[in-house]
PDB file of N, CA and C in Angstrom:
ATOM      1  N   MET A   1      -6.278  -1.502  -4.298  1.00  0.00           N
ATOM      2  CA  MET A   1      -6.313  -0.051  -4.308  1.00  0.00           C
ATOM      3  C   MET A   1      -5.202   0.459  -3.377  1.00  0.00           C
ATOM      4  N   SER A   2      -4.387   1.385  -3.828  1.00  0.00           N
ATOM      5  CA  SER A   2      -3.266   1.866  -3.027  1.00  0.00           C
ATOM      6  C   SER A   2      -3.745   2.886  -1.978  1.00  0.00           C
ATOM      7  N   PRO A   3      -2.998   3.025  -0.891  1.00  0.00           N
ATOM      8  CA  PRO A   3      -3.394   3.974   0.173  1.00  0.00           C
ATOM      9  C   PRO A   3      -3.453   5.427  -0.289  1.00  0.00           C
ATOM     10  N   GLU A   4      -2.609   5.784  -1.275  1.00  0.00           N
ATOM     11  CA  GLU A   4      -2.628   7.165  -1.756  1.00  0.00           C
ATOM     12  C   GLU A   4      -3.958   7.502  -2.426  1.00  0.00           C
ATOM     13  N   ILE A   5      -4.473   6.562  -3.180  1.00  0.00           N
ATOM     14  CA  ILE A   5      -5.749   6.794  -3.862  1.00  0.00           C
ATOM     15  C   ILE A   5      -6.889   6.874  -2.844  1.00  0.00           C
ATOM     16  N   VAL A   6      -6.823   6.030  -1.817  1.00  0.00           N
ATOM     17  CA  VAL A   6      -7.859   6.069  -0.776  1.00  0.00           C
ATOM     18  C   VAL A   6      -7.824   7.411  -0.065  1.00  0.00           C
ATOM     19  N   ALA A   7      -6.630   7.907   0.252  1.00  0.00           N
ATOM     20  CA  ALA A   7      -6.514   9.192   0.937  1.00  0.00           C
ATOM     21  C   ALA A   7      -7.064  10.321   0.077  1.00  0.00           C
ATOM     22  N   LEU A   8      -6.796  10.294  -1.207  1.00  0.00           N
ATOM     23  CA  LEU A   8      -7.321  11.322  -2.100  1.00  0.00           C
ATOM     24  C   LEU A   8      -8.833  11.198  -2.267  1.00  0.00           C
ATOM     25  N   HIS A   9      -9.323   9.976  -2.209  1.00  0.00           N
ATOM     26  CA  HIS A   9     -10.751   9.749  -2.378  1.00  0.00           C
ATOM     27  C   HIS A   9     -11.550  10.312  -1.198  1.00  0.00           C
ATOM     28  N   LEU A  10     -10.978  10.282  -0.006  1.00  0.00           N
ATOM     29  CA  LEU A  10     -11.708  10.750   1.169  1.00  0.00           C
ATOM     30  C   LEU A  10     -11.955  12.249   1.118  1.00  0.00           C
ATOM     31  N   GLY A  11     -11.091  13.001   0.495  1.00  0.00           N
ATOM     32  CA  GLY A  11     -11.301  14.438   0.338  1.00  0.00           C
ATOM     33  C   GLY A  11     -11.022  15.222   1.610  1.00  0.00           C
ATOM     34  N   ALA A  12     -11.398  16.490   1.582  1.00  0.00           N
ATOM     35  CA  ALA A  12     -11.159  17.385   2.711  1.00  0.00           C
ATOM     36  C   ALA A  12     -12.166  17.121   3.823  1.00  0.00           C
ATOM     37  N   LEU A  13     -11.772  17.463   5.021  1.00  0.00           N
ATOM     38  CA  LEU A  13     -12.655  17.283   6.169  1.00  0.00           C
ATOM     39  C   LEU A  13     -13.655  18.435   6.248  1.00  0.00           C
ATOM     40  N   HIS A  14     -14.835  18.139   6.718  1.00  0.00           N
ATOM     41  CA  HIS A  14     -15.817  19.180   6.997  1.00  0.00           C
ATOM     42  C   HIS A  14     -15.370  19.922   8.248  1.00  0.00           C
ATOM     43  N   PRO A  15     -15.849  21.136   8.471  1.00  0.00           N
ATOM     44  CA  PRO A  15     -15.418  21.890   9.655  1.00  0.00           C
ATOM     45  C   PRO A  15     -15.665  21.152  10.980  1.00  0.00           C
ATOM     46  N   HIS A  16     -16.803  20.500  11.125  1.00  0.00           N
ATOM     47  CA  HIS A  16     -17.051  19.799  12.386  1.00  0.00           C
ATOM     48  C   HIS A  16     -16.149  18.570  12.523  1.00  0.00           C
ATOM     49  N   GLU A  17     -15.783  17.948  11.422  1.00  0.00           N
ATOM     50  CA  GLU A  17     -14.842  16.829  11.475  1.00  0.00           C
ATOM     51  C   GLU A  17     -13.443  17.317  11.843  1.00  0.00           C
ATOM     52  N   ARG A  18     -13.067  18.471  11.310  1.00  0.00           N
ATOM     53  CA  ARG A  18     -11.757  19.048  11.645  1.00  0.00           C
ATOM     54  C   ARG A  18     -11.695  19.401  13.130  1.00  0.00           C
ATOM     55  N   ALA A  19     -12.777  19.998  13.651  1.00  0.00           N
ATOM     56  CA  ALA A  19     -12.815  20.349  15.075  1.00  0.00           C
ATOM     57  C   ALA A  19     -12.731  19.092  15.942  1.00  0.00           C
ATOM     58  N   LEU A  20     -13.436  18.048  15.579  1.00  0.00           N
ATOM     59  CA  LEU A  20     -13.393  16.801  16.333  1.00  0.00           C
ATOM     60  C   LEU A  20     -11.999  16.183  16.288  1.00  0.00           C
ATOM     61  N   THR A  21     -11.359  16.241  15.134  1.00  0.00           N
ATOM     62  CA  THR A  21     -10.004  15.703  15.004  1.00  0.00           C
ATOM     63  C   THR A  21      -9.034  16.467  15.897  1.00  0.00           C
ATOM     64  N   LEU A  22      -9.127  17.791  15.893  1.00  0.00           N
ATOM     65  CA  LEU A  22      -8.248  18.592  16.754  1.00  0.00           C
ATOM     66  C   LEU A  22      -8.530  18.338  18.228  1.00  0.00           C
ATOM     67  N   LEU A  23      -9.800  18.186  18.573  1.00  0.00           N
ATOM     68  CA  LEU A  23     -10.160  17.890  19.965  1.00  0.00           C
ATOM     69  C   LEU A  23      -9.582  16.550  20.400  1.00  0.00           C
ATOM     70  N   LEU A  24      -9.687  15.549  19.552  1.00  0.00           N
ATOM     71  CA  LEU A  24      -9.144  14.234  19.885  1.00  0.00           C
ATOM     72  C   LEU A  24      -7.617  14.246  19.921  1.00  0.00           C
ATOM     73  N   ALA A  25      -6.997  15.076  19.098  1.00  0.00           N
ATOM     74  CA  ALA A  25      -5.539  15.126  19.047  1.00  0.00           C
ATOM     75  C   ALA A  25      -4.943  15.886  20.227  1.00  0.00           C
ATOM     76  N   PHE A  26      -5.541  17.028  20.583  1.00  0.00           N
ATOM     77  CA  PHE A  26      -4.939  17.893  21.600  1.00  0.00           C
ATOM     78  C   PHE A  26      -5.692  17.926  22.920  1.00  0.00           C
ATOM     79  N   GLY A  27      -6.903  17.426  22.942  1.00  0.00           N
ATOM     80  CA  GLY A  27      -7.719  17.438  24.153  1.00  0.00           C
ATOM     81  C   GLY A  27      -7.056  16.775  25.353  1.00  0.00           C
ATOM     82  N   PRO A  28      -6.490  15.574  25.195  1.00  0.00           N
ATOM     83  CA  PRO A  28      -5.850  14.930  26.352  1.00  0.00           C
ATOM     84  C   PRO A  28      -4.702  15.753  26.939  1.00  0.00           C
ATOM     85  N   PHE A  29      -3.959  16.453  26.099  1.00  0.00           N
ATOM     86  CA  PHE A  29      -2.853  17.273  26.600  1.00  0.00           C
ATOM     87  C   PHE A  29      -3.377  18.492  27.365  1.00  0.00           C
ATOM     88  N   VAL A  30      -4.477  19.055  26.901  1.00  0.00           N
ATOM     89  CA  VAL A  30      -5.093  20.182  27.606  1.00  0.00           C
ATOM     90  C   VAL A  30      -5.590  19.725  28.978  1.00  0.00           C
ATOM     91  N   VAL A  31      -6.251  18.574  29.018  1.00  0.00           N
ATOM     92  CA  VAL A  31      -6.746  18.035  30.293  1.00  0.00           C
ATOM     93  C   VAL A  31      -5.573  17.741  31.221  1.00  0.00           C
ATOM     94  N   LEU A  32      -4.511  17.161  30.701  1.00  0.00           N
ATOM     95  CA  LEU A  32      -3.331  16.875  31.515  1.00  0.00           C
ATOM     96  C   LEU A  32      -2.740  18.161  32.084  1.00  0.00           C
ATOM     97  N   GLY A  33      -2.641  19.203  31.284  1.00  0.00           N
ATOM     98  CA  GLY A  33      -2.126  20.484  31.772  1.00  0.00           C
ATOM     99  C   GLY A  33      -2.984  21.063  32.876  1.00  0.00           C
ATOM    100  N   ILE A  34      -4.297  20.946  32.750  1.00  0.00           N
ATOM    101  CA  ILE A  34      -5.204  21.443  33.788  1.00  0.00           C
ATOM    102  C   ILE A  34      -5.016  20.649  35.080  1.00  0.00           C
ATOM    103  N   VAL A  35      -4.920  19.333  34.958  1.00  0.00           N
ATOM    104  CA  VAL A  35      -4.733  18.485  36.143  1.00  0.00           C
ATOM    105  C   VAL A  35      -3.420  18.823  36.844  1.00  0.00           C
ATOM    106  N   VAL A  36      -2.352  19.003  36.081  1.00  0.00           N
ATOM    107  CA  VAL A  36      -1.053  19.339  36.672  1.00  0.00           C
ATOM    108  C   VAL A  36      -1.126  20.691  37.382  1.00  0.00           C
ATOM    109  N   ALA A  37      -1.759  21.682  36.768  1.00  0.00           N
ATOM    110  CA  ALA A  37      -1.870  23.007  37.382  1.00  0.00           C
ATOM    111  C   ALA A  37      -2.675  22.952  38.685  1.00  0.00           C
ATOM    112  N   VAL A  38      -3.768  22.212  38.682  1.00  0.00           N
ATOM    113  CA  VAL A  38      -4.597  22.104  39.890  1.00  0.00           C
ATOM    114  C   VAL A  38      -3.834  21.390  40.994  1.00  0.00           C
ATOM    115  N   ARG A  39      -3.126  20.306  40.654  1.00  0.00           N
ATOM    116  CA  ARG A  39      -2.362  19.570  41.670  1.00  0.00           C
ATOM    117  C   ARG A  39      -1.239  20.433  42.232  1.00  0.00           C
ATOM    118  N   ARG A  40      -0.563  21.219  41.389  1.00  0.00           N
ATOM    119  CA  ARG A  40       0.511  22.091  41.895  1.00  0.00           C
ATOM    120  C   ARG A  40      -0.045  23.127  42.860  1.00  0.00           C
ATOM    121  N   ARG A  41      -1.198  23.703  42.510  1.00  0.00           N
ATOM    122  CA  ARG A  41      -1.822  24.671  43.422  1.00  0.00           C
ATOM    123  C   ARG A  41      -2.169  24.031  44.758  1.00  0.00           C
ATOM    124  N   HIS A  42      -2.712  22.822  44.678  1.00  0.00           N
ATOM    125  CA  HIS A  42      -3.088  22.115  45.900  1.00  0.00           C
ATOM    126  C   HIS A  42      -1.852  21.810  46.745  1.00  0.00           C
ATOM    127  N   ASP A  43      -0.773  21.352  46.116  1.00  0.00           N
ATOM    128  CA  ASP A  43       0.455  21.042  46.838  1.00  0.00           C
ATOM    129  C   ASP A  43       1.072  22.299  47.446  1.00  0.00           C
ATOM    130  N   LEU A  44       1.068  23.418  46.705  1.00  0.00           N
ATOM    131  CA  LEU A  44       1.604  24.669  47.253  1.00  0.00           C
ATOM    132  C   LEU A  44       0.797  25.145  48.454  1.00  0.00           C
ATOM    133  N   ALA A  45      -0.529  25.034  48.369  1.00  0.00           N
ATOM    134  CA  ALA A  45      -1.371  25.435  49.495  1.00  0.00           C
ATOM    135  C   ALA A  45      -1.097  24.558  50.704  1.00  0.00           C
ATOM    136  N   GLU A  46      -0.888  23.279  50.467  1.00  0.00           N
ATOM    137  CA  GLU A  46      -0.584  22.359  51.566  1.00  0.00           C
ATOM    138  C   GLU A  46       0.762  22.690  52.195  1.00  0.00           C
ATOM    139  N   GLU A  47       1.756  22.985  51.373  1.00  0.00           N
ATOM    140  CA  GLU A  47       3.083  23.360  51.892  1.00  0.00           C
ATOM    141  C   GLU A  47       3.012  24.659  52.679  1.00  0.00           C
ATOM    142  N   ARG A  48       2.242  25.625  52.198  1.00  0.00           N
ATOM    143  CA  ARG A  48       2.111  26.888  52.924  1.00  0.00           C
ATOM    144  C   ARG A  48       1.401  26.688  54.253  1.00  0.00           C
ATOM    145  N   ALA A  49       0.417  25.796  54.292  1.00  0.00           N
ATOM    146  CA  ALA A  49      -0.269  25.511  55.546  1.00  0.00           C
ATOM    147  C   ALA A  49       0.688  24.845  56.536  1.00  0.00           C
ATOM    148  N   GLU A  50       1.529  23.955  56.044  1.00  0.00           N
ATOM    149  CA  GLU A  50       2.542  23.328  56.905  1.00  0.00           C
ATOM    150  C   GLU A  50       3.553  24.363  57.374  1.00  0.00           C
ATOM    151  N   ALA A  51       3.942  25.266  56.484  1.00  0.00           N
ATOM    152  CA  ALA A  51       4.937  26.285  56.839  1.00  0.00           C
ATOM    153  C   ALA A  51       4.397  27.217  57.921  1.00  0.00           C
ATOM    154  N   GLY A  52       3.114  27.468  57.908  1.00  0.00           N
ATOM    155  CA  GLY A  52       2.519  28.298  58.950  1.00  0.00           C
ATOM    156  C   GLY A  52       2.518  27.605  60.298  1.00  0.00           C
ATOM    157  N   ALA A  53       2.504  26.286  60.312  1.00  0.00           N
ATOM    158  CA  ALA A  53       2.497  25.526  61.557  1.00  0.00           C
ATOM    159  C   ALA A  53       3.902  25.374  62.131  1.00  0.00           C
ATOM    160  N   ARG A  54       4.936  25.448  61.316  1.00  0.00           N
ATOM    161  CA  ARG A  54       6.314  25.284  61.779  1.00  0.00           C
ATOM    162  C   ARG A  54       7.047  26.623  61.702  1.00  0.00           C
ATOM    163  N   PRO A  55       7.690  27.049  62.778  1.00  0.00           N
ATOM    164  CA  PRO A  55       8.407  28.330  62.737  1.00  0.00           C
ATOM    165  C   PRO A  55       9.673  28.290  61.875  1.00  0.00           C
ATOM    166  N   ASP A  56      10.306  27.136  61.710  1.00  0.00           N
ATOM    167  CA  ASP A  56      11.544  27.053  60.938  1.00  0.00           C
ATOM    168  C   ASP A  56      11.293  26.625  59.489  1.00  0.00           C
ATOM    169  N   ALA A  57      10.075  26.769  59.030  1.00  0.00           N
ATOM    170  CA  ALA A  57       9.743  26.331  57.673  1.00  0.00           C
ATOM    171  C   ALA A  57      10.456  27.197  56.638  1.00  0.00           C
ATOM    172  N   GLY A  58      10.869  26.577  55.568  1.00  0.00           N
ATOM    173  CA  GLY A  58      11.534  27.285  54.493  1.00  0.00           C
ATOM    174  C   GLY A  58      13.040  27.312  54.636  1.00  0.00           C
ATOM    175  N   LEU A  59      13.556  26.903  55.776  1.00  0.00           N
ATOM    176  CA  LEU A  59      15.004  26.855  55.978  1.00  0.00           C
ATOM    177  C   LEU A  59      15.469  25.438  55.699  1.00  0.00           C
ATOM    178  N   SER A  60      16.280  25.277  54.693  1.00  0.00           N
ATOM    179  CA  SER A  60      16.740  23.940  54.349  1.00  0.00           C
ATOM    180  C   SER A  60      17.920  23.513  55.209  1.00  0.00           C
ATOM    181  N   GLU A  61      18.755  24.475  55.606  1.00  0.00           N
ATOM    182  CA  GLU A  61      19.921  24.164  56.432  1.00  0.00           C
ATOM    183  C   GLU A  61      20.352  25.429  57.161  1.00  0.00           C
ATOM    184  N   PRO A  62      21.079  25.283  58.240  1.00  0.00           N
ATOM    185  CA  PRO A  62      21.543  26.483  58.950  1.00  0.00           C
ATOM    186  C   PRO A  62      22.535  27.277  58.101  1.00  0.00           C
ATOM    187  N   ALA A  63      22.627  28.558  58.369  1.00  0.00           N
ATOM    188  CA  ALA A  63      23.537  29.431  57.623  1.00  0.00           C
ATOM    189  C   ALA A  63      24.976  29.034  57.887  1.00  0.00           C
ATOM    190  N   THR A  64      25.795  29.160  56.871  1.00  0.00           N
ATOM    191  CA  THR A  64      27.216  28.858  57.006  1.00  0.00           C
ATOM    192  C   THR A  64      27.934  30.143  57.426  1.00  0.00           C
ATOM    193  N   PRO A  65      28.655  30.122  58.545  1.00  0.00           N
ATOM    194  CA  PRO A  65      29.359  31.333  58.979  1.00  0.00           C
ATOM    195  C   PRO A  65      30.416  31.742  57.936  1.00  0.00           C
ATOM    196  N   GLY A  66      30.512  33.024  57.706  1.00  0.00           N
ATOM    197  CA  GLY A  66      31.520  33.548  56.792  1.00  0.00           C
ATOM    198  C   GLY A  66      31.099  33.503  55.333  1.00  0.00           C
ATOM    199  N   ARG A  67      29.987  32.931  55.036  1.00  0.00           N
ATOM    200  CA  ARG A  67      29.526  32.867  53.647  1.00  0.00           C
ATOM    201  C   ARG A  67      28.899  34.193  53.267  1.00  0.00           C
ATOM    202  N   PRO A  68      29.166  34.728  52.082  1.00  0.00           N
ATOM    203  CA  PRO A  68      28.545  35.987  51.679  1.00  0.00           C
ATOM    204  C   PRO A  68      27.031  35.882  51.713  1.00  0.00           C
ATOM    205  N   GLY A  69      26.399  36.873  52.292  1.00  0.00           N
ATOM    206  CA  GLY A  69      24.961  36.881  52.414  1.00  0.00           C
ATOM    207  C   GLY A  69      24.456  36.180  53.652  1.00  0.00           C
ATOM    208  N   SER A  70      25.348  35.623  54.444  1.00  0.00           N
ATOM    209  CA  SER A  70      24.983  34.922  55.663  1.00  0.00           C
ATOM    210  C   SER A  70      24.742  35.934  56.777  1.00  0.00           C
ATOM    211  N   PRO A  71      23.712  35.736  57.603  1.00  0.00           N
ATOM    212  CA  PRO A  71      23.450  36.700  58.672  1.00  0.00           C
ATOM    213  C   PRO A  71      24.475  36.640  59.795  1.00  0.00           C
ATOM    214  N   SER A  72      25.261  35.585  59.883  1.00  0.00           N
ATOM    215  CA  SER A  72      26.229  35.493  60.980  1.00  0.00           C
ATOM    216  C   SER A  72      27.615  35.919  60.577  1.00  0.00           C
TER     217      SER A  72
END
């Protein structure tokens, strides 16, 4: 029996089967997105807490004299 005939024999999915298929197909990506969002929030909160403890937080390097926008 060829695969095309088997596929036609199975017919259309019932609504609950379609929902389960979509859940299995896209569910892991939704969970991954939630995990990434939660971890980013946690990391940002941690960085902000560190920045509050250090007065020079947020400065990557000293200002270059003569550069446009430089305070010196």
